[in-house]
């Protein structure tokens, strides 16, 4: 029989969210609910719960209807995405700051982050915010750009701690020369949204170090403060050092529909002057057959004037949930960040083990959360609370937290 891929063996443990689901199932089996009012509620995984709103849903329906007609049927489309959708993203989301041919439509931001590992290869140093979304690290390990778990992180990965002490914006001094840096704002899991001066410092540092930023803007639609940038391309010279990944998943409720995009500016060059854009085009056209035509029809509807109003309404709904969670935790005297320009609240339980706190909240409140340690070493002692849920469930979960913690 064939040998096991050693890179998979290097992964420290099971992926965070399946592990949370396993622990939830074990708890529910051992402690069955006495009635519906005692069921386990989730403030854990960032999965949307509300129906896709009417105009966007109609776009999906019309996309499917057209495929069932001789005149409307299409087979394979462009691997880079429908030209009209690429143009719409460039126009509506970036207001012309990027060109349509720099936008690559995909089946989701997470999928693109995995494919980007092929672009970077094994030799480029990897740097991540700490804590950070697990796929940045796990994808790097699977691609061979990082080694085995070394107790407080993976070998070959530079961690930039984002802590309460530094306002959840990291010291960039350790960024290696020629590295790829994964950076997310508003951040998952901390909920912190970077200011314009902070992102300018990030871009300036990347240019000095000849580093490439992969900027994850999947939660940009939740930003309500007009002073906060929603795209890295609002920052001077970012097109010379940054790729941006984004998604319809959270703002439009497309977690199950699967639609996102990645912007690779033509200005991005390797050290030898060759085009990064050209290489990304080669990767996309080699291992990806394009996003679903139906999903792209829904994406077009979501970017219409009415669809953008629906995005605003849906993100407002989750932000109201976040505000309720934030106020509940603050009322208990628990220090928190996020919950204002982000659907996540990052709560500090100083001196405690994250998984221990996860277990305590599950047992006392029958509420599932996400242990911060699952996002990296600097996440130890924190819990992430997600605002993705039905409002009545969020209200009930907050009532339990307020009474039982």
Protein backbone atom coordinates (compact mmCIF):
# COMPACT_ATOMS: atom_id res chain seq x y z
CA UNK A 1 0.00 0.00 0.00
CA UNK A 2 1.15 3.58 -0.63
CA UNK A 3 2.81 5.63 2.10
CA UNK A 4 0.90 8.34 3.92
CA UNK A 5 1.56 11.94 2.90
CA UNK A 6 3.86 13.17 5.72
CA UNK A 7 2.42 16.69 5.43
CA UNK A 8 -0.95 15.43 6.63
CA UNK A 9 0.81 13.74 9.53
CA UNK A 10 2.33 17.12 10.44
CA UNK A 11 -1.07 18.62 11.19
CA UNK A 12 -1.26 19.08 14.94
CA UNK A 13 -4.82 17.79 15.41
CA UNK A 14 -8.20 17.59 13.75
CA UNK A 15 -9.54 20.73 12.09
CA UNK A 16 -11.00 23.02 14.76
CA UNK A 17 -14.68 23.07 13.81
CA UNK A 18 -15.19 19.31 13.36
CA UNK A 19 -13.60 18.90 16.79
CA UNK A 20 -16.09 21.35 18.28
CA UNK A 21 -18.93 19.45 16.60
CA UNK A 22 -17.59 16.17 18.02
CA UNK A 23 -17.50 17.59 21.56
CA UNK A 24 -21.00 18.99 21.16
CA UNK A 25 -22.37 15.61 20.07
CA UNK A 26 -20.66 13.90 22.99
CA UNK A 27 -22.13 16.43 25.44
CA UNK A 28 -25.65 16.11 24.01
CA UNK A 29 -25.43 12.31 24.19
CA UNK A 30 -24.34 12.45 27.82
CA UNK A 31 -26.73 15.27 28.84
CA UNK A 32 -29.96 14.97 26.80
CA UNK A 33 -32.17 18.05 26.83
CA UNK A 34 -35.18 17.83 29.13
CA UNK A 35 -37.21 19.78 26.59
CA UNK A 36 -36.95 22.20 23.63
CA UNK A 37 -36.13 25.09 25.96
CA UNK A 38 -33.06 23.20 27.16
CA UNK A 39 -31.53 22.48 23.77
CA UNK A 40 -27.90 23.34 23.07
CA UNK A 41 -27.50 26.69 21.31
CA UNK A 42 -24.54 27.73 19.20
CA UNK A 43 -22.49 30.91 19.34
CA UNK A 44 -19.64 28.96 17.78
CA UNK A 45 -19.08 28.31 14.10
CA UNK A 46 -19.46 31.25 11.72
CA UNK A 47 -22.21 29.75 9.59
CA UNK A 48 -25.06 31.94 8.39
CA UNK A 49 -28.58 31.05 9.51
CA UNK A 50 -30.97 33.49 7.78
CA UNK A 51 -32.60 32.83 4.39
CA UNK A 52 -31.15 34.40 1.28
CA UNK A 53 -33.16 37.57 0.72
CA UNK A 54 -35.69 37.93 -2.15
CA UNK A 55 -33.82 39.78 -4.91
CA UNK A 56 -30.69 37.69 -4.48
CA UNK A 57 -32.75 34.52 -4.26
CA UNK A 58 -34.59 35.49 -7.44
CA UNK A 59 -31.24 35.83 -9.19
CA UNK A 60 -30.32 32.28 -8.20
CA UNK A 61 -33.73 31.01 -9.31
CA UNK A 62 -33.51 32.78 -12.66
CA UNK A 63 -30.01 31.42 -13.18
CA UNK A 64 -31.31 27.89 -12.68
CA UNK A 65 -34.37 28.52 -14.89
CA UNK A 66 -32.23 29.74 -17.77
CA UNK A 67 -30.13 26.58 -17.67
CA UNK A 68 -33.32 24.58 -18.22
CA UNK A 69 -33.99 26.27 -21.56
CA UNK A 70 -32.28 25.71 -24.93
CA UNK A 71 -31.54 29.40 -25.37
CA UNK A 72 -30.33 29.91 -21.81
CA UNK A 73 -28.23 26.80 -21.32
CA UNK A 74 -24.47 27.20 -20.92
CA UNK A 75 -21.84 24.58 -20.29
CA UNK A 76 -18.39 25.37 -19.01
CA UNK A 77 -17.82 29.05 -18.43
CA UNK A 78 -14.61 31.00 -18.10
CA UNK A 79 -12.53 29.62 -15.25
CA UNK A 80 -11.93 33.21 -14.11
CA UNK A 81 -15.67 33.89 -13.83
CA UNK A 82 -18.39 35.45 -15.97
CA UNK A 83 -17.02 38.68 -17.48
CA UNK A 84 -20.15 40.60 -16.44
CA UNK A 85 -19.70 39.51 -12.79
CA UNK A 86 -15.99 40.38 -12.78
CA UNK A 87 -16.89 43.81 -14.13
CA UNK A 88 -19.61 44.24 -11.52
CA UNK A 89 -17.28 43.35 -8.63
CA UNK A 90 -14.64 45.80 -9.88
CA UNK A 91 -17.23 48.54 -10.29
CA UNK A 92 -19.47 48.07 -7.24
CA UNK A 93 -17.09 46.67 -4.64
CA UNK A 94 -13.87 48.45 -5.59
CA UNK A 95 -15.26 51.53 -7.34
CA UNK A 96 -12.75 51.13 -10.15
CA UNK A 97 -9.68 50.70 -7.90
CA UNK A 98 -9.09 47.34 -9.62
CA UNK A 99 -9.75 46.22 -13.18
CA UNK A 100 -12.21 43.49 -14.14
CA UNK A 101 -9.47 41.22 -15.49
CA UNK A 102 -7.74 41.37 -12.08
CA UNK A 103 -10.83 39.81 -10.43
CA UNK A 104 -10.99 36.01 -10.38
CA UNK A 105 -14.37 34.57 -9.35
CA UNK A 106 -14.26 31.32 -7.40
CA UNK A 107 -16.23 28.86 -5.28
CA UNK A 108 -15.29 30.66 -2.06
CA UNK A 109 -12.52 32.46 -0.23
CA UNK A 110 -11.42 29.39 1.72
CA UNK A 111 -10.99 27.41 -1.51
CA UNK A 112 -8.95 30.22 -3.05
CA UNK A 113 -6.70 30.43 0.01
CA UNK A 114 -5.93 26.74 -0.48
CA UNK A 115 -5.19 27.23 -4.17
CA UNK A 116 -2.95 30.21 -3.42
CA UNK A 117 -0.59 27.81 -1.65
CA UNK A 118 0.23 26.36 -5.07
CA UNK A 119 1.21 29.83 -6.26
CA UNK A 120 3.65 30.36 -3.40
CA UNK A 121 5.23 26.90 -3.29
CA UNK A 122 7.27 25.39 -0.48
CA UNK A 123 10.21 27.77 -0.29
CA UNK A 124 8.49 31.08 0.49
CA UNK A 125 8.43 31.89 4.24
CA UNK A 126 4.93 31.99 5.72
CA UNK A 127 3.78 34.57 8.27
CA UNK A 128 0.37 34.74 9.95
CA UNK A 129 -1.41 36.88 12.45
CA UNK A 130 -1.76 35.04 15.72
CA UNK A 131 -4.56 34.17 16.30
CA UNK A 132 -5.77 33.57 12.76
CA UNK A 133 -8.19 31.57 10.65
CA UNK A 134 -6.89 27.97 10.74
CA UNK A 135 -6.74 27.41 6.97
CA UNK A 136 -3.84 29.88 6.59
CA UNK A 137 -1.67 27.66 8.77
CA UNK A 138 -3.08 24.24 7.91
CA UNK A 139 -2.95 25.00 4.19
CA UNK A 140 0.69 26.03 4.50
CA UNK A 141 1.49 22.77 6.29
CA UNK A 142 -0.27 20.70 3.62
CA UNK A 143 1.59 22.56 0.88
CA UNK A 144 4.94 21.78 2.51
CA UNK A 145 5.72 25.41 3.38
CA UNK A 146 5.68 24.57 7.10
CA UNK A 147 6.83 21.64 9.17
CA UNK A 148 5.47 19.76 12.14
CA UNK A 149 3.87 21.18 15.26
CA UNK A 150 6.56 22.38 17.67
CA UNK A 151 4.57 22.93 20.86
CA UNK A 152 3.74 26.61 20.38
CA UNK A 153 3.30 26.75 16.63
CA UNK A 154 4.39 25.06 13.41
CA UNK A 155 8.00 24.94 12.33
CA UNK A 156 8.73 27.40 9.55
CA UNK A 157 5.80 29.74 10.28
CA UNK A 158 6.35 33.19 11.76
CA UNK A 159 3.57 34.16 14.16
CA UNK A 160 2.72 37.82 14.74
CA UNK A 161 0.83 37.96 18.05
CA UNK A 162 -2.30 40.12 18.14
CA UNK A 163 -2.99 40.73 21.81
CA UNK A 164 -4.98 43.01 24.07
CA UNK A 165 -1.71 44.74 24.90
CA UNK A 166 -1.02 45.76 21.27
CA UNK A 167 -4.65 46.53 20.43
CA UNK A 168 -4.85 43.36 18.29
CA UNK A 169 -2.62 44.86 15.60
CA UNK A 170 0.72 43.02 15.56
CA UNK A 171 4.28 44.19 15.76
CA UNK A 172 5.47 43.74 12.16
CA UNK A 173 9.18 43.71 13.01
CA UNK A 174 9.55 39.89 12.73
CA UNK A 175 8.14 39.77 9.17
CA UNK A 176 10.78 37.87 7.15
CA UNK A 177 12.21 39.16 3.90
CA UNK A 178 10.28 37.82 0.91
CA UNK A 179 7.50 36.23 2.99
CA UNK A 180 3.82 35.71 2.28
CA UNK A 181 1.76 37.28 5.06
CA UNK A 182 -1.84 36.23 5.71
CA UNK A 183 -3.76 39.15 7.16
CA UNK A 184 -7.49 39.46 7.90
CA UNK A 185 -9.50 42.61 8.70
CA UNK A 186 -12.08 42.68 10.18
CA UNK A 187 -10.27 39.83 11.80
CA UNK A 188 -11.46 36.31 12.30
CA UNK A 189 -11.39 35.44 15.18
CA UNK A 190 -10.70 38.66 17.13
CA UNK A 191 -13.27 40.88 15.44
CA UNK A 192 -10.76 43.75 15.37
CA UNK A 193 -10.93 46.01 12.30
CA UNK A 194 -7.77 47.82 11.23
CA UNK A 195 -7.56 51.57 10.84
CA UNK A 196 -6.21 53.24 7.71
CA UNK A 197 -2.86 54.17 9.35
CA UNK A 198 -2.45 50.57 10.54
CA UNK A 199 -2.99 49.16 7.06
CA UNK A 200 -0.66 51.77 5.59
CA UNK A 201 2.00 50.57 8.03
CA UNK A 202 1.30 47.01 6.90
CA UNK A 203 1.71 47.89 3.22
CA UNK A 204 4.84 49.99 3.80
CA UNK A 205 6.45 47.16 5.79
CA UNK A 206 5.59 44.59 3.13
CA UNK A 207 7.15 46.76 0.43
CA UNK A 208 10.34 47.24 2.44
CA UNK A 209 10.60 43.50 3.11
CA UNK A 210 9.60 42.50 -0.45
CA UNK A 211 6.76 40.51 1.11
CA UNK A 212 3.36 39.66 -0.34
CA UNK A 213 0.17 40.25 1.66
CA UNK A 214 -2.81 37.92 1.25
CA UNK A 215 -5.54 40.20 2.59
CA UNK A 216 -8.68 38.36 3.69
CA UNK A 217 -11.58 40.84 3.50
CA UNK A 218 -14.39 38.29 3.92
CA UNK A 219 -16.03 40.40 6.67
CA UNK A 220 -15.61 43.83 5.09
CA UNK A 221 -19.36 44.20 4.54
CA UNK A 222 -19.83 44.33 8.32
CA UNK A 223 -17.79 47.52 8.70
CA UNK A 224 -20.01 50.41 9.76
CA UNK A 225 -17.39 52.97 10.76
CA UNK A 226 -16.84 55.10 7.62
CA UNK A 227 -13.27 55.83 8.72
CA UNK A 228 -12.27 52.16 8.47
CA UNK A 229 -11.06 50.82 5.10
CA UNK A 230 -12.98 47.91 3.59
CA UNK A 231 -10.29 46.91 1.10
CA UNK A 232 -6.51 46.83 1.14
CA UNK A 233 -6.63 48.67 -2.20
CA UNK A 234 -7.81 51.79 -0.41
CA UNK A 235 -4.23 51.98 0.88
CA UNK A 236 -1.49 53.70 -1.11
CA UNK A 237 0.75 51.27 -3.07
CA UNK A 238 -1.17 48.17 -1.94
CA UNK A 239 -1.60 46.98 -5.53
CA UNK A 240 2.18 46.47 -5.63
CA UNK A 241 2.25 44.04 -2.71
CA UNK A 242 -1.21 42.61 -1.96
CA UNK A 243 -3.68 39.99 -3.14
CA UNK A 244 -7.21 40.35 -1.74
CA UNK A 245 -9.62 37.48 -1.10
CA UNK A 246 -13.33 38.08 -0.51
CA UNK A 247 -16.59 36.18 -0.45
CA UNK A 248 -20.37 36.34 -0.82
CA UNK A 249 -20.71 33.79 2.00
CA UNK A 250 -21.32 35.98 5.02
CA UNK A 251 -22.74 39.21 3.52
CA UNK A 252 -25.19 37.49 1.14
CA UNK A 253 -25.79 34.22 3.00
CA UNK A 254 -23.92 32.18 0.35
CA UNK A 255 -22.14 29.79 2.73
CA UNK A 256 -23.83 26.85 1.00
CA UNK A 257 -24.04 28.45 -2.43
CA UNK A 258 -20.24 28.88 -2.63
CA UNK A 259 -19.12 32.06 -4.39
CA UNK A 260 -16.14 34.33 -3.77
CA UNK A 261 -13.34 36.08 -5.57
CA UNK A 262 -9.65 36.90 -5.45
CA UNK A 263 -8.06 40.08 -6.79
CA UNK A 264 -4.55 39.72 -8.22
CA UNK A 265 -3.37 43.10 -9.54
CA UNK A 266 -1.31 43.15 -12.72
CA UNK A 267 1.16 45.38 -10.87
CA UNK A 268 2.23 42.44 -8.67
CA UNK A 269 5.64 41.15 -9.71
CA UNK A 270 8.05 38.54 -8.46
CA UNK A 271 11.57 39.48 -7.46
CA UNK A 272 12.72 38.71 -11.02
CA UNK A 273 10.03 40.96 -12.53
CA UNK A 274 7.77 38.20 -13.81
CA UNK A 275 4.00 38.57 -13.41
CA UNK A 276 2.20 37.04 -10.43
CA UNK A 277 -1.10 37.70 -12.21
CA UNK A 278 -0.01 35.47 -15.13
CA UNK A 279 0.92 32.61 -12.80
CA UNK A 280 -2.38 32.84 -10.91
CA UNK A 281 -4.26 32.74 -14.22
CA UNK A 282 -2.32 29.57 -15.11
CA UNK A 283 -3.19 27.91 -11.79
CA UNK A 284 -6.88 28.84 -11.98
CA UNK A 285 -7.27 27.60 -15.55
CA UNK A 286 -5.39 24.39 -14.72
CA UNK A 287 -7.12 23.10 -11.57
CA UNK A 288 -10.43 24.98 -11.44
CA UNK A 289 -13.37 24.85 -13.85
CA UNK A 290 -15.09 27.98 -12.66
CA UNK A 291 -17.80 28.79 -10.13
CA UNK A 292 -21.34 27.54 -10.66
CA UNK A 293 -23.24 29.51 -13.30
CA UNK A 294 -26.23 29.57 -10.94
CA UNK A 295 -24.15 30.92 -8.06
CA UNK A 296 -22.73 33.64 -10.32
CA UNK A 297 -26.25 34.66 -11.36
CA UNK A 298 -27.02 35.05 -7.68
CA UNK A 299 -23.85 37.06 -7.19
CA UNK A 300 -24.88 39.48 -9.93
CA UNK A 301 -28.26 39.95 -8.26
CA UNK A 302 -26.56 40.55 -4.90
CA UNK A 303 -24.49 43.35 -6.42
CA UNK A 304 -27.50 45.11 -7.93
CA UNK A 305 -28.77 48.22 -6.17
CA UNK A 306 -31.52 46.22 -4.47
CA UNK A 307 -29.20 43.34 -3.72
CA UNK A 308 -26.73 45.65 -1.98
CA UNK A 309 -29.63 46.83 0.17
CA UNK A 310 -30.30 43.21 1.08
CA UNK A 311 -26.64 42.73 2.01
CA UNK A 312 -26.87 45.75 4.27
CA UNK A 313 -30.04 44.43 5.92
CA UNK A 314 -28.61 40.94 6.44
CA UNK A 315 -25.33 42.17 7.90
CA UNK A 316 -27.25 44.61 10.13
CA UNK A 317 -29.23 41.65 11.47
CA UNK A 318 -26.06 39.81 12.51
CA UNK A 319 -24.50 42.99 13.88
CA UNK A 320 -27.52 43.42 16.18
CA UNK A 321 -26.82 39.91 17.43
CA UNK A 322 -23.16 40.81 17.94
CA UNK A 323 -24.08 43.90 19.92
CA UNK A 324 -26.29 41.83 22.22
CA UNK A 325 -23.48 39.32 22.84
CA UNK A 326 -21.00 42.13 23.44
CA UNK A 327 -23.21 43.92 25.95
CA UNK A 328 -23.99 40.67 27.78
CA UNK A 329 -20.32 39.78 28.21
CA UNK A 330 -19.35 43.31 29.20
CA UNK A 331 -22.14 43.21 31.77
CA UNK A 332 -20.41 40.18 33.28
CA UNK A 333 -17.14 42.12 33.46
CA UNK A 334 -15.49 40.06 30.71
CA UNK A 335 -13.09 42.12 28.55
CA UNK A 336 -14.03 41.94 24.86
CA UNK A 337 -13.12 43.26 21.43
CA UNK A 338 -15.12 43.13 18.18
CA UNK A 339 -18.88 43.01 17.86
CA UNK A 340 -19.20 46.48 16.32
CA UNK A 341 -17.68 46.26 12.83
CA UNK A 342 -17.57 42.47 12.90
CA UNK A 343 -19.89 39.53 13.62
CA UNK A 344 -17.40 38.10 16.13
CA UNK A 345 -16.78 38.97 19.77
CA UNK A 346 -13.40 37.98 21.21
CA UNK A 347 -13.66 37.54 24.97
CA UNK A 348 -10.72 37.29 27.36
CA UNK A 349 -10.65 34.77 30.20
CA UNK A 350 -7.20 35.62 31.53
CA UNK A 351 -5.20 32.72 32.95
CA UNK A 352 -7.74 30.12 31.78
CA UNK A 353 -7.37 27.34 29.23
CA UNK A 354 -9.64 28.04 26.25
CA UNK A 355 -10.92 24.48 25.93
CA UNK A 356 -11.64 24.41 29.65
CA UNK A 357 -13.72 27.59 29.35
CA UNK A 358 -15.45 26.13 26.26
CA UNK A 359 -16.42 23.09 28.33
CA UNK A 360 -17.61 25.19 31.26
CA UNK A 361 -19.87 27.36 29.09
CA UNK A 362 -21.26 24.27 27.35
CA UNK A 363 -21.98 22.56 30.66
CA UNK A 364 -23.39 25.52 32.57
CA UNK A 365 -25.19 27.34 29.78
CA UNK A 366 -25.66 24.66 27.10
CA UNK A 367 -24.08 27.12 24.68
CA UNK A 368 -21.39 26.21 22.13
CA UNK A 369 -18.55 28.70 21.58
CA UNK A 370 -15.14 28.50 19.89
CA UNK A 371 -11.99 28.13 22.00
CA UNK A 372 -9.41 30.74 21.08
CA UNK A 373 -6.52 28.27 21.31
CA UNK A 374 -7.83 26.68 18.11
CA UNK A 375 -6.81 29.82 16.21
CA UNK A 376 -3.16 29.86 17.32
CA UNK A 377 -0.94 30.20 20.40
CA UNK A 378 -2.03 33.81 21.14
CA UNK A 379 -5.64 32.65 21.25
CA UNK A 380 -5.10 30.79 24.51
CA UNK A 381 -7.25 32.32 27.25
CA UNK A 382 -9.83 33.66 24.77
CA UNK A 383 -13.22 32.52 23.49
CA UNK A 384 -14.78 33.55 20.18
CA UNK A 385 -18.51 34.20 20.21
CA UNK A 386 -20.24 34.20 16.82
CA UNK A 387 -23.26 36.38 16.03
CA UNK A 388 -24.44 34.06 13.27
CA UNK A 389 -27.71 32.70 14.57
CA UNK A 390 -31.46 33.30 14.75
CA UNK A 391 -32.08 36.37 16.89
CA UNK A 392 -34.34 34.51 19.34
CA UNK A 393 -31.60 31.91 19.85
CA UNK A 394 -29.00 34.62 20.40
CA UNK A 395 -31.28 36.29 22.94
CA UNK A 396 -31.81 33.00 24.78
CA UNK A 397 -28.09 32.18 24.72
CA UNK A 398 -27.28 35.61 26.13
CA UNK A 399 -29.91 35.17 28.85
CA UNK A 400 -28.26 31.91 29.89
CA UNK A 401 -24.78 33.45 29.83
CA UNK A 402 -25.95 36.38 31.94
CA UNK A 403 -27.61 34.15 34.53
CA UNK A 404 -25.24 31.18 34.71
CA UNK A 405 -21.68 32.37 34.14
